[in-house]
Amino acid sequence: MDLTNADDLEFGIIRGTTGDIDLAEWNKIIQTDNSLKQIEDRIGKNPFTKEEIVFSGEGKAYFMFSGEAVGNISLENGALLTTGVPLSKCTEIADRLNAFVEPDDRS
């Protein structure tokens, strides 16, 4: 995949054609696709209460290119939100999930 050729989709959304995208299905794709890497849980601290907070990596993946995370995909409310993932990759994922891709305006 050539990331210098702009089939880029800055922000996209992948929606199931017959309903929500299932977490288990999405996890299978993350585990079997070499260009995706599961995002680990992270621990942060509430600056006001100093309480530790866990930011879950469940349903989230980095899109990797040449060993670097260059985008991400997150399952939110039954749809995959993509940032910095080429349209061709989004389409490939959508095809595996019986879904479709569309641009997502997050401005």
N, C-alpha and C. Protein backbone atom coordinates (compact mmCIF):
# COMPACT_ATOMS: atom_id res chain seq x y z
N MET A 1 0.85 -1.17 0.00
CA MET A 1 0.00 0.00 0.00
C MET A 1 0.89 1.24 0.00
N ASP A 2 0.60 2.16 -0.87
CA ASP A 2 1.38 3.39 -0.98
C ASP A 2 0.61 4.52 -0.32
N LEU A 3 1.08 4.97 0.83
CA LEU A 3 0.37 6.02 1.54
C LEU A 3 0.62 7.40 0.96
N THR A 4 1.56 7.51 0.04
CA THR A 4 1.79 8.81 -0.59
C THR A 4 0.75 9.09 -1.67
N ASN A 5 0.08 8.05 -2.13
CA ASN A 5 -0.98 8.21 -3.11
C ASN A 5 -2.28 8.43 -2.35
N ALA A 6 -2.90 9.55 -2.55
CA ALA A 6 -3.99 9.97 -1.67
C ALA A 6 -5.33 9.31 -1.97
N ASP A 7 -5.48 8.06 -1.52
CA ASP A 7 -6.84 7.55 -1.43
C ASP A 7 -7.25 7.73 0.03
N ASP A 8 -6.56 8.69 0.67
CA ASP A 8 -6.77 8.94 2.09
C ASP A 8 -8.19 9.41 2.37
N LEU A 9 -8.64 9.00 3.49
CA LEU A 9 -9.93 9.40 4.03
C LEU A 9 -9.61 9.90 5.42
N GLU A 10 -9.52 11.21 5.59
CA GLU A 10 -9.08 11.73 6.89
C GLU A 10 -9.93 11.17 8.02
N PHE A 11 -11.24 11.32 7.91
CA PHE A 11 -12.16 10.75 8.89
C PHE A 11 -13.19 9.93 8.13
N GLY A 12 -13.41 8.70 8.57
CA GLY A 12 -14.40 7.85 7.92
C GLY A 12 -15.23 7.13 8.95
N ILE A 13 -16.30 6.52 8.47
CA ILE A 13 -17.14 5.70 9.33
C ILE A 13 -17.55 4.47 8.54
N ILE A 14 -17.42 3.32 9.17
CA ILE A 14 -17.81 2.05 8.56
C ILE A 14 -19.04 1.57 9.31
N ARG A 15 -20.15 1.43 8.58
CA ARG A 15 -21.42 1.03 9.18
C ARG A 15 -21.87 -0.30 8.60
N GLY A 16 -22.43 -1.14 9.44
CA GLY A 16 -22.99 -2.40 8.99
C GLY A 16 -24.21 -2.17 8.12
N THR A 17 -24.37 -2.99 7.09
CA THR A 17 -25.53 -2.82 6.20
C THR A 17 -26.81 -3.35 6.82
N THR A 18 -26.70 -4.26 7.79
CA THR A 18 -27.91 -4.84 8.38
C THR A 18 -28.00 -4.61 9.88
N GLY A 19 -27.15 -3.77 10.42
CA GLY A 19 -27.18 -3.51 11.86
C GLY A 19 -25.80 -3.13 12.37
N ASP A 20 -25.67 -3.17 13.68
CA ASP A 20 -24.41 -2.79 14.31
C ASP A 20 -23.29 -3.76 13.99
N ILE A 21 -22.07 -3.25 13.96
CA ILE A 21 -20.88 -4.09 13.84
C ILE A 21 -20.61 -4.70 15.21
N ASP A 22 -20.38 -5.99 15.22
CA ASP A 22 -20.20 -6.75 16.45
C ASP A 22 -18.75 -6.69 16.93
N LEU A 23 -18.55 -6.49 18.23
CA LEU A 23 -17.20 -6.42 18.80
C LEU A 23 -16.40 -7.69 18.51
N ALA A 24 -17.01 -8.85 18.65
CA ALA A 24 -16.29 -10.11 18.42
C ALA A 24 -15.81 -10.21 16.97
N GLU A 25 -16.66 -9.81 16.02
CA GLU A 25 -16.26 -9.82 14.60
C GLU A 25 -15.10 -8.86 14.35
N TRP A 26 -15.20 -7.67 14.92
CA TRP A 26 -14.15 -6.66 14.76
C TRP A 26 -12.85 -7.15 15.39
N ASN A 27 -12.93 -7.77 16.56
CA ASN A 27 -11.72 -8.29 17.21
C ASN A 27 -11.04 -9.36 16.36
N LYS A 28 -11.82 -10.20 15.67
CA LYS A 28 -11.24 -11.22 14.78
C LYS A 28 -10.43 -10.56 13.67
N ILE A 29 -10.96 -9.48 13.13
CA ILE A 29 -10.24 -8.77 12.07
C ILE A 29 -8.95 -8.17 12.61
N ILE A 30 -9.02 -7.54 13.78
CA ILE A 30 -7.81 -6.96 14.39
C ILE A 30 -6.75 -8.04 14.57
N GLN A 31 -7.15 -9.20 15.05
CA GLN A 31 -6.20 -10.28 15.35
C GLN A 31 -5.60 -10.92 14.11
N THR A 32 -6.30 -10.86 12.97
CA THR A 32 -5.83 -11.56 11.78
C THR A 32 -5.26 -10.65 10.70
N ASP A 33 -5.32 -9.35 10.90
CA ASP A 33 -4.84 -8.40 9.89
C ASP A 33 -3.51 -7.81 10.35
N ASN A 34 -2.46 -8.06 9.59
CA ASN A 34 -1.12 -7.59 9.97
C ASN A 34 -0.96 -6.08 9.99
N SER A 35 -1.88 -5.36 9.35
CA SER A 35 -1.77 -3.90 9.34
C SER A 35 -2.52 -3.26 10.51
N LEU A 36 -3.12 -4.08 11.36
CA LEU A 36 -3.83 -3.57 12.53
C LEU A 36 -3.16 -4.07 13.80
N LYS A 37 -3.15 -3.22 14.81
CA LYS A 37 -2.57 -3.59 16.11
C LYS A 37 -3.53 -3.14 17.21
N GLN A 38 -3.91 -4.10 18.05
CA GLN A 38 -4.80 -3.80 19.17
C GLN A 38 -4.21 -2.69 20.03
N ILE A 39 -5.03 -1.72 20.39
CA ILE A 39 -4.59 -0.66 21.30
C ILE A 39 -4.70 -1.19 22.73
N GLU A 40 -3.63 -1.05 23.47
CA GLU A 40 -3.59 -1.52 24.87
C GLU A 40 -4.38 -0.57 25.77
N ASP A 41 -4.87 -1.10 26.88
CA ASP A 41 -5.45 -0.23 27.91
C ASP A 41 -4.36 0.72 28.41
N ARG A 42 -4.76 1.93 28.75
CA ARG A 42 -3.81 2.90 29.31
C ARG A 42 -4.36 3.40 30.64
N ILE A 43 -3.47 3.76 31.52
CA ILE A 43 -3.87 4.30 32.81
C ILE A 43 -3.51 5.78 32.84
N GLY A 44 -4.47 6.58 33.22
CA GLY A 44 -4.26 8.01 33.37
C GLY A 44 -4.65 8.44 34.77
N LYS A 45 -4.52 9.72 35.02
CA LYS A 45 -4.86 10.24 36.34
C LYS A 45 -5.74 11.47 36.19
N ASN A 46 -6.85 11.47 36.90
CA ASN A 46 -7.73 12.62 36.92
C ASN A 46 -6.96 13.77 37.57
N PRO A 47 -6.77 14.89 36.85
CA PRO A 47 -5.95 15.97 37.40
C PRO A 47 -6.56 16.66 38.62
N PHE A 48 -7.86 16.49 38.81
CA PHE A 48 -8.53 17.15 39.93
C PHE A 48 -8.59 16.26 41.17
N THR A 49 -8.94 14.98 40.96
CA THR A 49 -9.10 14.06 42.10
C THR A 49 -7.87 13.19 42.33
N LYS A 50 -6.96 13.18 41.36
CA LYS A 50 -5.76 12.32 41.38
C LYS A 50 -6.11 10.84 41.31
N GLU A 51 -7.36 10.53 41.03
CA GLU A 51 -7.80 9.14 40.90
C GLU A 51 -7.28 8.55 39.59
N GLU A 52 -6.82 7.28 39.64
CA GLU A 52 -6.38 6.60 38.43
C GLU A 52 -7.60 6.20 37.61
N ILE A 53 -7.47 6.36 36.29
CA ILE A 53 -8.54 6.04 35.36
C ILE A 53 -7.97 5.10 34.30
N VAL A 54 -8.72 4.06 33.95
CA VAL A 54 -8.29 3.15 32.89
C VAL A 54 -9.01 3.56 31.60
N PHE A 55 -8.22 3.82 30.57
CA PHE A 55 -8.74 4.09 29.24
C PHE A 55 -8.66 2.78 28.46
N SER A 56 -9.80 2.18 28.22
CA SER A 56 -9.85 0.85 27.61
C SER A 56 -9.43 0.89 26.15
N GLY A 57 -8.69 -0.14 25.74
CA GLY A 57 -8.32 -0.31 24.34
C GLY A 57 -9.26 -1.25 23.61
N GLU A 58 -10.28 -1.74 24.32
CA GLU A 58 -11.22 -2.69 23.72
C GLU A 58 -11.92 -2.07 22.51
N GLY A 59 -11.90 -2.80 21.40
CA GLY A 59 -12.57 -2.33 20.19
C GLY A 59 -11.79 -1.27 19.43
N LYS A 60 -10.54 -1.05 19.81
CA LYS A 60 -9.73 -0.02 19.17
C LYS A 60 -8.45 -0.63 18.60
N ALA A 61 -8.04 -0.11 17.44
CA ALA A 61 -6.82 -0.62 16.80
C ALA A 61 -6.09 0.52 16.11
N TYR A 62 -4.77 0.39 16.09
CA TYR A 62 -3.95 1.28 15.28
C TYR A 62 -3.87 0.70 13.88
N PHE A 63 -3.84 1.58 12.87
CA PHE A 63 -3.51 1.18 11.51
C PHE A 63 -2.02 1.40 11.36
N MET A 64 -1.29 0.33 11.04
CA MET A 64 0.17 0.36 10.99
C MET A 64 0.66 0.41 9.54
N PHE A 65 1.72 1.19 9.32
CA PHE A 65 2.37 1.23 8.02
C PHE A 65 3.87 1.36 8.27
N SER A 66 4.64 0.45 7.72
CA SER A 66 6.10 0.42 7.91
C SER A 66 6.47 0.45 9.39
N GLY A 67 5.71 -0.28 10.20
CA GLY A 67 6.01 -0.39 11.62
C GLY A 67 5.57 0.78 12.47
N GLU A 68 4.92 1.76 11.87
CA GLU A 68 4.47 2.95 12.60
C GLU A 68 2.95 3.03 12.61
N ALA A 69 2.39 3.46 13.73
CA ALA A 69 0.95 3.72 13.80
C ALA A 69 0.68 5.03 13.08
N VAL A 70 -0.09 4.95 11.98
CA VAL A 70 -0.37 6.16 11.19
C VAL A 70 -1.86 6.51 11.19
N GLY A 71 -2.68 5.68 11.82
CA GLY A 71 -4.11 5.93 11.90
C GLY A 71 -4.71 5.06 12.98
N ASN A 72 -6.01 5.20 13.18
CA ASN A 72 -6.67 4.35 14.16
C ASN A 72 -8.12 4.11 13.78
N ILE A 73 -8.66 3.05 14.35
CA ILE A 73 -10.05 2.65 14.12
C ILE A 73 -10.64 2.28 15.47
N SER A 74 -11.83 2.79 15.75
CA SER A 74 -12.46 2.56 17.04
C SER A 74 -13.92 2.18 16.87
N LEU A 75 -14.33 1.09 17.50
CA LEU A 75 -15.73 0.69 17.48
C LEU A 75 -16.49 1.54 18.49
N GLU A 76 -17.41 2.35 17.98
CA GLU A 76 -18.20 3.25 18.82
C GLU A 76 -19.67 3.14 18.42
N ASN A 77 -20.51 2.75 19.35
CA ASN A 77 -21.96 2.68 19.09
C ASN A 77 -22.30 1.86 17.85
N GLY A 78 -21.61 0.74 17.66
CA GLY A 78 -21.93 -0.17 16.58
C GLY A 78 -21.36 0.18 15.22
N ALA A 79 -20.51 1.21 15.15
CA ALA A 79 -19.87 1.61 13.90
C ALA A 79 -18.38 1.81 14.15
N LEU A 80 -17.58 1.65 13.09
CA LEU A 80 -16.14 1.86 13.20
C LEU A 80 -15.80 3.27 12.75
N LEU A 81 -15.22 4.06 13.65
CA LEU A 81 -14.76 5.40 13.32
C LEU A 81 -13.29 5.31 12.95
N THR A 82 -12.93 5.85 11.80
CA THR A 82 -11.55 5.77 11.34
C THR A 82 -10.94 7.16 11.25
N THR A 83 -9.65 7.21 11.56
CA THR A 83 -8.88 8.45 11.44
C THR A 83 -7.55 8.11 10.79
N GLY A 84 -7.27 8.74 9.65
CA GLY A 84 -5.99 8.54 8.99
C GLY A 84 -5.80 7.18 8.36
N VAL A 85 -6.90 6.50 8.05
CA VAL A 85 -6.83 5.17 7.43
C VAL A 85 -7.24 5.32 5.96
N PRO A 86 -6.43 4.82 5.02
CA PRO A 86 -6.77 4.96 3.60
C PRO A 86 -8.13 4.35 3.27
N LEU A 87 -8.80 4.97 2.32
CA LEU A 87 -10.11 4.49 1.88
C LEU A 87 -10.04 3.03 1.44
N SER A 88 -8.96 2.65 0.77
CA SER A 88 -8.84 1.26 0.30
C SER A 88 -8.84 0.28 1.48
N LYS A 89 -8.20 0.64 2.59
CA LYS A 89 -8.18 -0.23 3.77
C LYS A 89 -9.56 -0.25 4.42
N CYS A 90 -10.20 0.90 4.50
CA CYS A 90 -11.55 0.96 5.07
C CYS A 90 -12.51 0.09 4.27
N THR A 91 -12.38 0.14 2.95
CA THR A 91 -13.24 -0.66 2.08
C THR A 91 -12.98 -2.14 2.28
N GLU A 92 -11.72 -2.52 2.42
CA GLU A 92 -11.36 -3.92 2.68
C GLU A 92 -12.01 -4.41 3.98
N ILE A 93 -11.93 -3.61 5.02
CA ILE A 93 -12.54 -3.97 6.31
C ILE A 93 -14.06 -4.04 6.17
N ALA A 94 -14.63 -3.06 5.51
CA ALA A 94 -16.09 -3.04 5.33
C ALA A 94 -16.57 -4.28 4.59
N ASP A 95 -15.83 -4.69 3.57
CA ASP A 95 -16.21 -5.90 2.82
C ASP A 95 -16.23 -7.12 3.72
N ARG A 96 -15.27 -7.22 4.62
CA ARG A 96 -15.20 -8.37 5.54
C ARG A 96 -16.35 -8.36 6.55
N LEU A 97 -16.91 -7.19 6.81
CA LEU A 97 -17.97 -7.05 7.82
C LEU A 97 -19.36 -6.88 7.21
N ASN A 98 -19.49 -7.05 5.89
CA ASN A 98 -20.76 -6.78 5.22
C ASN A 98 -21.24 -5.37 5.61
N ALA A 99 -20.37 -4.40 5.36
CA ALA A 99 -20.62 -3.03 5.77
C ALA A 99 -20.27 -2.08 4.62
N PHE A 100 -20.42 -0.79 4.87
CA PHE A 100 -20.07 0.22 3.86
C PHE A 100 -19.32 1.36 4.54
N VAL A 101 -18.57 2.10 3.72
CA VAL A 101 -17.73 3.20 4.20
C VAL A 101 -18.31 4.52 3.70
N GLU A 102 -18.24 5.52 4.54
CA GLU A 102 -18.60 6.87 4.11
C GLU A 102 -17.72 7.87 4.84
N PRO A 103 -17.51 9.04 4.24
CA PRO A 103 -16.75 10.08 4.93
C PRO A 103 -17.49 10.51 6.19
N ASP A 104 -16.75 10.95 7.19
CA ASP A 104 -17.34 11.39 8.45
C ASP A 104 -16.82 12.78 8.75
N ASP A 105 -17.69 13.76 8.77
CA ASP A 105 -17.29 15.14 9.04
C ASP A 105 -17.30 15.36 10.55
N ARG A 106 -16.12 15.47 11.13
CA ARG A 106 -16.02 15.67 12.58
C ARG A 106 -15.58 17.08 12.94
N SER A 107 -15.86 18.02 12.03
CA SER A 107 -15.46 19.40 12.31
C SER A 107 -16.45 20.11 13.20
